[in-house]
Amino acid sequence: MAEPAKKVAEQTEDRLESLAETVRKKFDKVTEGTYRDRVVGGRFAERGDDKNRPEPERKQD
């Protein structure tokens, strides 16, 4: 790769990394207190009280 093209490619890579970090930070800020907290808090974890959950249907051979 020619030097000018290599320099442009490196600058583009740096900008994309910076953009990705910015997007991650903004996404975390937007989702803070909502989905992320529910997942971390175990809202979607398996519950021990499965008595109200119907049994899965099983195929009979």
C-alpha atoms as a PDB file:
ATOM      1  CA  MET A   1       0.000   0.000   0.000  1.00  0.00           C
ATOM      2  CA  ALA A   2       1.312   3.444  -0.842  1.00  0.00           C
ATOM      3  CA  GLU A   3       2.194   5.678   2.078  1.00  0.00           C
ATOM      4  CA  PRO A   4      -0.608   8.253   1.537  1.00  0.00           C
ATOM      5  CA  ALA A   5      -3.216   5.489   1.254  1.00  0.00           C
ATOM      6  CA  LYS A   6      -1.835   3.794   4.368  1.00  0.00           C
ATOM      7  CA  LYS A   7      -2.020   7.064   6.298  1.00  0.00           C
ATOM      8  CA  VAL A   8      -5.639   7.628   5.203  1.00  0.00           C
ATOM      9  CA  ALA A   9      -6.532   4.066   6.190  1.00  0.00           C
ATOM     10  CA  GLU A  10      -5.008   4.519   9.656  1.00  0.00           C
ATOM     11  CA  GLN A  11      -6.824   7.824  10.162  1.00  0.00           C
ATOM     12  CA  THR A  12     -10.093   6.227   9.090  1.00  0.00           C
ATOM     13  CA  GLU A  13      -9.540   3.335  11.491  1.00  0.00           C
ATOM     14  CA  ASP A  14      -8.860   5.754  14.365  1.00  0.00           C
ATOM     15  CA  ARG A  15     -12.010   7.716  13.569  1.00  0.00           C
ATOM     16  CA  LEU A  16     -14.112   4.567  13.415  1.00  0.00           C
ATOM     17  CA  GLU A  17     -12.762   3.386  16.766  1.00  0.00           C
ATOM     18  CA  SER A  18     -13.587   6.764  18.277  1.00  0.00           C
ATOM     19  CA  LEU A  19     -17.069   6.673  16.760  1.00  0.00           C
ATOM     20  CA  ALA A  20     -17.674   3.150  18.084  1.00  0.00           C
ATOM     21  CA  GLU A  21     -16.665   4.232  21.599  1.00  0.00           C
ATOM     22  CA  THR A  22     -18.971   7.249  21.418  1.00  0.00           C
ATOM     23  CA  VAL A  23     -21.871   5.077  20.270  1.00  0.00           C
ATOM     24  CA  ARG A  24     -21.228   2.587  23.110  1.00  0.00           C
ATOM     25  CA  LYS A  25     -21.235   5.367  25.689  1.00  0.00           C
ATOM     26  CA  LYS A  26     -24.439   6.915  24.344  1.00  0.00           C
ATOM     27  CA  PHE A  27     -26.149   3.524  24.150  1.00  0.00           C
ATOM     28  CA  ASP A  28     -25.200   2.781  27.761  1.00  0.00           C
ATOM     29  CA  LYS A  29     -26.529   6.182  28.807  1.00  0.00           C
ATOM     30  CA  VAL A  30     -29.835   5.678  26.980  1.00  0.00           C
ATOM     31  CA  THR A  31     -30.357   2.153  28.295  1.00  0.00           C
ATOM     32  CA  GLU A  32     -29.182   2.896  31.833  1.00  0.00           C
ATOM     33  CA  GLY A  33     -31.938   2.062  34.263  1.00  0.00           C
ATOM     34  CA  THR A  34     -33.939   0.047  31.795  1.00  0.00           C
ATOM     35  CA  TYR A  35     -32.990  -3.116  29.950  1.00  0.00           C
ATOM     36  CA  ARG A  36     -29.412  -3.276  31.238  1.00  0.00           C
ATOM     37  CA  ASP A  37     -30.464  -3.019  34.880  1.00  0.00           C
ATOM     38  CA  ARG A  38     -33.134  -5.688  34.457  1.00  0.00           C
ATOM     39  CA  VAL A  39     -30.636  -8.088  32.957  1.00  0.00           C
ATOM     40  CA  VAL A  40     -27.990  -7.343  35.577  1.00  0.00           C
ATOM     41  CA  GLY A  41     -30.603  -7.559  38.336  1.00  0.00           C
ATOM     42  CA  GLY A  42     -31.591 -11.031  37.224  1.00  0.00           C
ATOM     43  CA  ARG A  43     -35.027 -10.191  35.821  1.00  0.00           C
ATOM     44  CA  PHE A  44     -34.455 -12.596  32.958  1.00  0.00           C
ATOM     45  CA  ALA A  45     -32.769 -15.272  35.051  1.00  0.00           C
ATOM     46  CA  GLU A  46     -34.477 -18.571  35.688  1.00  0.00           C
ATOM     47  CA  ARG A  47     -37.005 -18.358  38.469  1.00  0.00           C
ATOM     48  CA  GLY A  48     -37.403 -21.037  41.084  1.00  0.00           C
ATOM     49  CA  ASP A  49     -41.212 -20.935  41.151  1.00  0.00           C
ATOM     50  CA  ASP A  50     -42.226 -22.740  37.981  1.00  0.00           C
ATOM     51  CA  LYS A  51     -45.551 -24.074  39.251  1.00  0.00           C
ATOM     52  CA  ASN A  52     -47.580 -21.588  37.171  1.00  0.00           C
ATOM     53  CA  ARG A  53     -45.586 -22.256  34.032  1.00  0.00           C
ATOM     54  CA  PRO A  54     -47.152 -24.894  31.772  1.00  0.00           C
ATOM     55  CA  GLU A  55     -45.160 -27.996  31.033  1.00  0.00           C
ATOM     56  CA  PRO A  56     -43.721 -28.141  27.521  1.00  0.00           C
ATOM     57  CA  GLU A  57     -45.516 -30.530  25.237  1.00  0.00           C
ATOM     58  CA  ARG A  58     -43.609 -33.712  24.642  1.00  0.00           C
ATOM     59  CA  LYS A  59     -43.752 -35.693  21.445  1.00  0.00           C
ATOM     60  CA  GLN A  60     -44.885 -39.245  21.759  1.00  0.00           C
ATOM     61  CA  ASP A  61     -42.968 -41.693  19.626  1.00  0.00           C
END
